[in-house]
Amino acid sequence: MNIVIPEGNGPIGIYGFARPRPERAEDLERLLLSFVEPTRAEPGAWQYQVHRDASDPTTLVFYELWRSRDDLRDHLAQPGLAEFQQTRMEYLREDLEIHWLTPLSADAPAEPSREDLPRAAAGGRDGQSGRGLRRPFPG
């Protein structure tokens, strides 16, 4: 698959579906999740998420938001991603379904406030690091 990034300026979003071969589903999930932290550390990576489709748990969904097309090109050239592009059909029962997004409201993400950090990281005294956010998720 030769990923062709649409022309344009400014931020770019992408979402897609990965439908694994049943015998490789766990391998694909582990692989996609292994990309999360390194990708989030890349320059220009505003969002990078991997999801499971609620209506079809065999399908993995990814969502990315990038500051620029150049940042996304640099990301796709990373060794792990380049290798995945070459070997993806070993994991997939059909090729990736990719959709390009032109963000209408994309600004650089705000830095998390102290209230958004786990308690211990925010200087809390209860030692509950990793147990969630100080504020409950609205809902």
N, C-alpha and C. Protein backbone atom coordinates (compact mmCIF):
# COMPACT_ATOMS: atom_id res chain seq x y z
N MET A 1 0.86 -1.17 0.00
CA MET A 1 0.00 0.00 0.00
C MET A 1 0.89 1.23 0.00
N ASN A 2 0.70 2.05 -0.96
CA ASN A 2 1.40 3.32 -1.01
C ASN A 2 0.43 4.37 -0.49
N ILE A 3 0.67 4.86 0.71
CA ILE A 3 -0.23 5.83 1.31
C ILE A 3 0.05 7.19 0.69
N VAL A 4 -0.96 7.73 0.02
CA VAL A 4 -0.83 9.04 -0.63
C VAL A 4 -1.60 10.04 0.22
N ILE A 5 -0.88 10.98 0.79
CA ILE A 5 -1.48 12.00 1.64
C ILE A 5 -2.08 13.08 0.74
N PRO A 6 -3.33 13.43 0.94
CA PRO A 6 -3.94 14.47 0.11
C PRO A 6 -3.21 15.81 0.23
N GLU A 7 -3.21 16.55 -0.86
CA GLU A 7 -2.60 17.88 -0.87
C GLU A 7 -3.37 18.82 0.04
N GLY A 8 -2.69 19.84 0.50
CA GLY A 8 -3.35 20.86 1.30
C GLY A 8 -2.39 21.45 2.30
N ASN A 9 -2.89 22.38 3.07
CA ASN A 9 -2.11 23.04 4.10
C ASN A 9 -2.79 22.85 5.44
N GLY A 10 -2.02 23.00 6.48
CA GLY A 10 -2.58 22.94 7.82
C GLY A 10 -2.70 21.53 8.34
N PRO A 11 -3.38 21.39 9.47
CA PRO A 11 -3.54 20.08 10.11
C PRO A 11 -4.25 19.09 9.21
N ILE A 12 -4.00 17.82 9.48
CA ILE A 12 -4.67 16.75 8.74
C ILE A 12 -5.03 15.63 9.71
N GLY A 13 -6.20 15.06 9.49
CA GLY A 13 -6.65 13.95 10.31
C GLY A 13 -6.80 12.71 9.45
N ILE A 14 -6.78 11.59 10.12
CA ILE A 14 -6.94 10.32 9.43
C ILE A 14 -7.65 9.37 10.39
N TYR A 15 -8.59 8.61 9.86
CA TYR A 15 -9.12 7.50 10.63
C TYR A 15 -9.21 6.31 9.70
N GLY A 16 -9.16 5.15 10.29
CA GLY A 16 -9.19 3.97 9.46
C GLY A 16 -9.60 2.74 10.23
N PHE A 17 -9.81 1.69 9.47
CA PHE A 17 -10.26 0.42 10.02
C PHE A 17 -9.26 -0.66 9.65
N ALA A 18 -8.91 -1.46 10.63
CA ALA A 18 -8.03 -2.61 10.42
C ALA A 18 -8.82 -3.85 10.81
N ARG A 19 -9.05 -4.72 9.84
CA ARG A 19 -9.84 -5.93 10.06
C ARG A 19 -8.90 -7.13 9.98
N PRO A 20 -8.51 -7.65 11.15
CA PRO A 20 -7.48 -8.68 11.17
C PRO A 20 -7.97 -10.06 10.77
N ARG A 21 -7.02 -10.87 10.34
CA ARG A 21 -7.28 -12.31 10.18
C ARG A 21 -7.54 -12.84 11.59
N PRO A 22 -8.50 -13.72 11.76
CA PRO A 22 -8.82 -14.19 13.11
C PRO A 22 -7.61 -14.73 13.87
N GLU A 23 -6.75 -15.46 13.20
CA GLU A 23 -5.59 -16.06 13.88
C GLU A 23 -4.50 -15.03 14.21
N ARG A 24 -4.61 -13.82 13.67
CA ARG A 24 -3.60 -12.78 13.91
C ARG A 24 -4.17 -11.57 14.66
N ALA A 25 -5.41 -11.66 15.13
CA ALA A 25 -6.07 -10.52 15.77
C ALA A 25 -5.30 -10.00 16.98
N GLU A 26 -4.88 -10.89 17.86
CA GLU A 26 -4.14 -10.44 19.04
C GLU A 26 -2.79 -9.84 18.66
N ASP A 27 -2.14 -10.43 17.68
CA ASP A 27 -0.85 -9.90 17.21
C ASP A 27 -1.02 -8.49 16.65
N LEU A 28 -2.05 -8.29 15.85
CA LEU A 28 -2.28 -6.97 15.27
C LEU A 28 -2.60 -5.95 16.35
N GLU A 29 -3.43 -6.32 17.30
CA GLU A 29 -3.76 -5.40 18.38
C GLU A 29 -2.51 -4.99 19.15
N ARG A 30 -1.67 -5.96 19.50
CA ARG A 30 -0.42 -5.65 20.21
C ARG A 30 0.46 -4.73 19.38
N LEU A 31 0.56 -5.01 18.08
CA LEU A 31 1.41 -4.20 17.21
C LEU A 31 0.90 -2.77 17.13
N LEU A 32 -0.40 -2.59 16.88
CA LEU A 32 -0.94 -1.24 16.78
C LEU A 32 -0.78 -0.48 18.11
N LEU A 33 -1.01 -1.17 19.21
CA LEU A 33 -0.84 -0.51 20.51
C LEU A 33 0.63 -0.16 20.78
N SER A 34 1.55 -0.94 20.22
CA SER A 34 2.98 -0.64 20.42
C SER A 34 3.38 0.66 19.72
N PHE A 35 2.60 1.11 18.77
CA PHE A 35 2.89 2.36 18.06
C PHE A 35 2.42 3.60 18.84
N VAL A 36 1.54 3.43 19.82
CA VAL A 36 0.88 4.58 20.45
C VAL A 36 1.88 5.52 21.13
N GLU A 37 2.59 5.04 22.12
CA GLU A 37 3.47 5.94 22.89
C GLU A 37 4.56 6.57 22.04
N PRO A 38 5.30 5.80 21.21
CA PRO A 38 6.32 6.46 20.38
C PRO A 38 5.73 7.49 19.43
N THR A 39 4.55 7.20 18.89
CA THR A 39 3.93 8.15 17.96
C THR A 39 3.52 9.42 18.68
N ARG A 40 2.94 9.29 19.85
CA ARG A 40 2.53 10.47 20.60
C ARG A 40 3.71 11.37 20.95
N ALA A 41 4.90 10.82 20.99
CA ALA A 41 6.11 11.60 21.30
C ALA A 41 6.68 12.28 20.05
N GLU A 42 6.18 11.95 18.87
CA GLU A 42 6.71 12.54 17.64
C GLU A 42 6.26 13.99 17.50
N PRO A 43 7.13 14.82 16.90
CA PRO A 43 6.74 16.21 16.65
C PRO A 43 5.50 16.25 15.75
N GLY A 44 4.55 17.07 16.12
CA GLY A 44 3.36 17.25 15.30
C GLY A 44 2.24 16.26 15.52
N ALA A 45 2.44 15.28 16.38
CA ALA A 45 1.38 14.30 16.66
C ALA A 45 0.45 14.90 17.72
N TRP A 46 -0.72 15.34 17.28
CA TRP A 46 -1.68 15.95 18.20
C TRP A 46 -2.60 14.91 18.82
N GLN A 47 -2.95 13.87 18.07
CA GLN A 47 -3.80 12.79 18.57
C GLN A 47 -3.35 11.50 17.90
N TYR A 48 -3.32 10.43 18.66
CA TYR A 48 -3.06 9.11 18.10
C TYR A 48 -3.76 8.11 19.00
N GLN A 49 -4.82 7.52 18.51
CA GLN A 49 -5.66 6.63 19.30
C GLN A 49 -5.92 5.33 18.55
N VAL A 50 -6.02 4.25 19.30
CA VAL A 50 -6.44 2.96 18.74
C VAL A 50 -7.69 2.55 19.52
N HIS A 51 -8.71 2.13 18.80
CA HIS A 51 -9.99 1.75 19.40
C HIS A 51 -10.41 0.37 18.90
N ARG A 52 -11.37 -0.20 19.59
CA ARG A 52 -12.06 -1.40 19.12
C ARG A 52 -13.46 -0.96 18.73
N ASP A 53 -13.93 -1.38 17.58
CA ASP A 53 -15.27 -1.04 17.10
C ASP A 53 -16.29 -1.69 18.04
N ALA A 54 -17.16 -0.87 18.63
CA ALA A 54 -18.15 -1.38 19.58
C ALA A 54 -19.16 -2.31 18.92
N SER A 55 -19.45 -2.10 17.64
CA SER A 55 -20.44 -2.96 16.97
C SER A 55 -19.79 -4.17 16.32
N ASP A 56 -18.47 -4.16 16.16
CA ASP A 56 -17.74 -5.30 15.59
C ASP A 56 -16.40 -5.41 16.30
N PRO A 57 -16.34 -6.14 17.41
CA PRO A 57 -15.13 -6.18 18.22
C PRO A 57 -13.91 -6.78 17.51
N THR A 58 -14.10 -7.36 16.34
CA THR A 58 -12.94 -7.87 15.60
C THR A 58 -12.24 -6.76 14.83
N THR A 59 -12.88 -5.60 14.71
CA THR A 59 -12.31 -4.50 13.94
C THR A 59 -11.64 -3.48 14.86
N LEU A 60 -10.42 -3.12 14.50
CA LEU A 60 -9.70 -2.07 15.22
C LEU A 60 -9.81 -0.79 14.41
N VAL A 61 -9.96 0.31 15.11
CA VAL A 61 -10.13 1.61 14.49
C VAL A 61 -9.02 2.52 15.01
N PHE A 62 -8.39 3.25 14.10
CA PHE A 62 -7.36 4.19 14.55
C PHE A 62 -7.75 5.60 14.12
N TYR A 63 -7.34 6.56 14.94
CA TYR A 63 -7.60 7.96 14.68
C TYR A 63 -6.33 8.74 14.96
N GLU A 64 -5.98 9.61 14.02
CA GLU A 64 -4.77 10.42 14.16
C GLU A 64 -5.08 11.85 13.77
N LEU A 65 -4.44 12.78 14.43
CA LEU A 65 -4.52 14.19 14.07
C LEU A 65 -3.11 14.75 14.11
N TRP A 66 -2.70 15.33 12.99
CA TRP A 66 -1.33 15.81 12.82
C TRP A 66 -1.31 17.31 12.54
N ARG A 67 -0.28 17.96 13.04
CA ARG A 67 -0.09 19.39 12.84
C ARG A 67 0.06 19.73 11.36
N SER A 68 0.72 18.83 10.61
CA SER A 68 0.96 19.10 9.19
C SER A 68 1.14 17.79 8.42
N ARG A 69 1.04 17.88 7.13
CA ARG A 69 1.29 16.73 6.27
C ARG A 69 2.74 16.29 6.35
N ASP A 70 3.66 17.24 6.50
CA ASP A 70 5.08 16.86 6.66
C ASP A 70 5.29 16.03 7.91
N ASP A 71 4.62 16.40 9.02
CA ASP A 71 4.73 15.60 10.25
C ASP A 71 4.19 14.20 10.02
N LEU A 72 3.08 14.08 9.31
CA LEU A 72 2.51 12.77 9.03
C LEU A 72 3.44 11.97 8.12
N ARG A 73 4.02 12.61 7.10
CA ARG A 73 4.98 11.91 6.23
C ARG A 73 6.17 11.38 7.04
N ASP A 74 6.69 12.20 7.96
CA ASP A 74 7.79 11.76 8.80
C ASP A 74 7.38 10.56 9.65
N HIS A 75 6.16 10.60 10.15
CA HIS A 75 5.64 9.48 10.96
C HIS A 75 5.58 8.20 10.14
N LEU A 76 5.03 8.29 8.95
CA LEU A 76 4.89 7.10 8.11
C LEU A 76 6.23 6.52 7.68
N ALA A 77 7.28 7.34 7.71
CA ALA A 77 8.62 6.88 7.35
C ALA A 77 9.36 6.23 8.52
N GLN A 78 8.80 6.28 9.73
CA GLN A 78 9.44 5.63 10.88
C GLN A 78 9.57 4.13 10.58
N PRO A 79 10.68 3.52 11.01
CA PRO A 79 10.94 2.11 10.64
C PRO A 79 9.79 1.16 10.96
N GLY A 80 9.19 1.25 12.14
CA GLY A 80 8.11 0.33 12.50
C GLY A 80 6.90 0.48 11.61
N LEU A 81 6.55 1.73 11.28
CA LEU A 81 5.40 1.97 10.41
C LEU A 81 5.70 1.56 8.98
N ALA A 82 6.90 1.85 8.51
CA ALA A 82 7.28 1.46 7.15
C ALA A 82 7.25 -0.06 7.00
N GLU A 83 7.73 -0.76 8.03
CA GLU A 83 7.71 -2.23 7.99
C GLU A 83 6.27 -2.74 8.00
N PHE A 84 5.42 -2.14 8.84
CA PHE A 84 4.02 -2.56 8.88
C PHE A 84 3.35 -2.36 7.53
N GLN A 85 3.65 -1.25 6.86
CA GLN A 85 3.05 -1.02 5.54
C GLN A 85 3.41 -2.15 4.57
N GLN A 86 4.62 -2.70 4.71
CA GLN A 86 5.06 -3.78 3.82
C GLN A 86 4.47 -5.14 4.20
N THR A 87 4.25 -5.37 5.51
CA THR A 87 3.84 -6.70 5.97
C THR A 87 2.39 -6.75 6.45
N ARG A 88 1.64 -5.68 6.29
CA ARG A 88 0.31 -5.58 6.88
C ARG A 88 -0.63 -6.71 6.50
N MET A 89 -0.52 -7.22 5.26
CA MET A 89 -1.47 -8.24 4.84
C MET A 89 -1.22 -9.58 5.53
N GLU A 90 -0.11 -9.75 6.22
CA GLU A 90 0.08 -10.93 7.07
C GLU A 90 -0.89 -10.90 8.25
N TYR A 91 -1.33 -9.70 8.63
CA TYR A 91 -2.23 -9.51 9.77
C TYR A 91 -3.68 -9.30 9.37
N LEU A 92 -3.90 -8.76 8.17
CA LEU A 92 -5.23 -8.29 7.77
C LEU A 92 -5.94 -9.25 6.84
N ARG A 93 -7.27 -9.34 7.01
CA ARG A 93 -8.07 -10.15 6.08
C ARG A 93 -8.47 -9.33 4.86
N GLU A 94 -8.39 -8.01 4.96
CA GLU A 94 -8.58 -7.09 3.84
C GLU A 94 -7.73 -5.86 4.14
N ASP A 95 -7.40 -5.12 3.11
CA ASP A 95 -6.48 -4.00 3.31
C ASP A 95 -7.10 -2.93 4.21
N LEU A 96 -6.25 -2.10 4.77
CA LEU A 96 -6.69 -1.01 5.62
C LEU A 96 -7.68 -0.13 4.87
N GLU A 97 -8.70 0.29 5.56
CA GLU A 97 -9.66 1.25 5.02
C GLU A 97 -9.31 2.60 5.65
N ILE A 98 -8.84 3.53 4.83
CA ILE A 98 -8.35 4.81 5.34
C ILE A 98 -9.23 5.94 4.85
N HIS A 99 -9.53 6.87 5.76
CA HIS A 99 -10.31 8.06 5.44
C HIS A 99 -9.52 9.29 5.89
N TRP A 100 -9.44 10.28 5.02
CA TRP A 100 -8.70 11.50 5.31
C TRP A 100 -9.66 12.57 5.80
N LEU A 101 -9.20 13.35 6.75
CA LEU A 101 -10.03 14.40 7.34
C LEU A 101 -9.34 15.75 7.20
N THR A 102 -10.11 16.76 6.86
CA THR A 102 -9.64 18.13 6.89
C THR A 102 -10.25 18.78 8.12
N PRO A 103 -9.48 18.96 9.18
CA PRO A 103 -10.04 19.52 10.41
C PRO A 103 -10.55 20.94 10.21
N LEU A 104 -11.72 21.20 10.71
CA LEU A 104 -12.29 22.54 10.64
C LEU A 104 -12.07 23.30 11.94
N SER A 105 -11.80 22.58 13.01
CA SER A 105 -11.65 23.22 14.31
C SER A 105 -10.35 22.81 15.00
N ALA A 106 -9.36 22.41 14.25
CA ALA A 106 -8.13 21.90 14.86
C ALA A 106 -7.19 23.02 15.25
N ASP A 107 -6.93 23.11 16.52
CA ASP A 107 -5.88 23.96 17.06
C ASP A 107 -4.95 23.03 17.81
N ALA A 108 -3.77 23.50 18.09
CA ALA A 108 -2.85 22.69 18.87
C ALA A 108 -3.53 22.31 20.18
N PRO A 109 -3.42 21.06 20.58
CA PRO A 109 -4.06 20.65 21.82
C PRO A 109 -3.48 21.41 23.01
N ALA A 110 -4.33 21.72 23.95
CA ALA A 110 -3.88 22.41 25.16
C ALA A 110 -3.11 21.45 26.05
N GLU A 111 -2.19 21.98 26.78
CA GLU A 111 -1.49 21.18 27.78
C GLU A 111 -2.50 20.79 28.85
N PRO A 112 -2.40 19.56 29.38
CA PRO A 112 -3.35 19.16 30.42
C PRO A 112 -3.17 20.01 31.66
N SER A 113 -4.26 20.34 32.30
CA SER A 113 -4.17 21.09 33.55
C SER A 113 -3.81 20.13 34.67
N ARG A 114 -3.42 20.68 35.79
CA ARG A 114 -3.08 19.83 36.95
C ARG A 114 -4.29 18.99 37.34
N GLU A 115 -5.50 19.50 37.13
CA GLU A 115 -6.69 18.75 37.48
C GLU A 115 -6.89 17.53 36.59
N ASP A 116 -6.29 17.54 35.38
CA ASP A 116 -6.45 16.42 34.45
C ASP A 116 -5.43 15.32 34.69
N LEU A 117 -4.43 15.57 35.50
CA LEU A 117 -3.37 14.59 35.73
C LEU A 117 -3.77 13.64 36.85
N PRO A 118 -3.23 12.40 36.83
CA PRO A 118 -3.48 11.50 37.97
C PRO A 118 -3.02 12.18 39.25
N ARG A 119 -3.64 11.86 40.35
CA ARG A 119 -3.41 12.55 41.62
C ARG A 119 -1.95 12.62 42.03
N ALA A 120 -1.24 11.53 41.98
CA ALA A 120 0.15 11.56 42.43
C ALA A 120 0.99 12.44 41.52
N ALA A 121 0.73 12.40 40.21
CA ALA A 121 1.50 13.22 39.28
C ALA A 121 1.19 14.70 39.48
N ALA A 122 0.01 15.01 39.98
CA ALA A 122 -0.38 16.39 40.21
C ALA A 122 -0.02 16.84 41.62
N GLY A 123 0.69 16.01 42.35
CA GLY A 123 1.10 16.40 43.69
C GLY A 123 0.11 16.03 44.76
N GLY A 124 -0.84 15.15 44.45
CA GLY A 124 -1.82 14.73 45.44
C GLY A 124 -1.17 13.92 46.54
N ARG A 125 -1.87 13.80 47.68
CA ARG A 125 -1.29 13.11 48.82
C ARG A 125 -1.82 11.70 49.01
N ASP A 126 -2.72 11.25 48.15
CA ASP A 126 -3.32 9.94 48.40
C ASP A 126 -2.57 8.80 47.72
N GLY A 127 -1.55 9.10 46.89
CA GLY A 127 -0.75 8.06 46.27
C GLY A 127 -1.50 7.18 45.29
N GLN A 128 -2.54 7.71 44.67
CA GLN A 128 -3.35 6.91 43.75
C GLN A 128 -2.93 7.11 42.30
N SER A 129 -1.65 7.17 42.06
CA SER A 129 -1.19 7.36 40.69
C SER A 129 -1.72 6.24 39.81
N GLY A 130 -2.22 6.61 38.65
CA GLY A 130 -2.70 5.62 37.70
C GLY A 130 -4.11 5.14 37.95
N ARG A 131 -4.79 5.66 38.96
CA ARG A 131 -6.15 5.21 39.25
C ARG A 131 -7.21 6.10 38.62
N GLY A 132 -6.83 6.97 37.76
CA GLY A 132 -7.84 7.78 37.10
C GLY A 132 -7.57 9.26 37.27
N LEU A 133 -8.53 10.04 36.85
CA LEU A 133 -8.41 11.48 36.88
C LEU A 133 -8.99 12.02 38.17
N ARG A 134 -8.56 13.21 38.52
CA ARG A 134 -9.10 13.85 39.72
C ARG A 134 -10.56 14.22 39.50
N ARG A 135 -10.89 14.61 38.28
CA ARG A 135 -12.28 14.94 37.96
C ARG A 135 -12.92 13.73 37.30
N PRO A 136 -14.14 13.39 37.65
CA PRO A 136 -14.80 12.30 36.94
C PRO A 136 -15.07 12.72 35.51
N PHE A 137 -15.09 11.75 34.62
CA PHE A 137 -15.40 12.01 33.22
C PHE A 137 -16.85 12.46 33.14
N PRO A 138 -17.11 13.59 32.45
CA PRO A 138 -18.51 14.04 32.37
C PRO A 138 -19.37 13.01 31.67
N GLY A 139 -20.54 12.84 32.12
CA GLY A 139 -21.40 11.88 31.45
C GLY A 139 -22.57 11.64 32.22
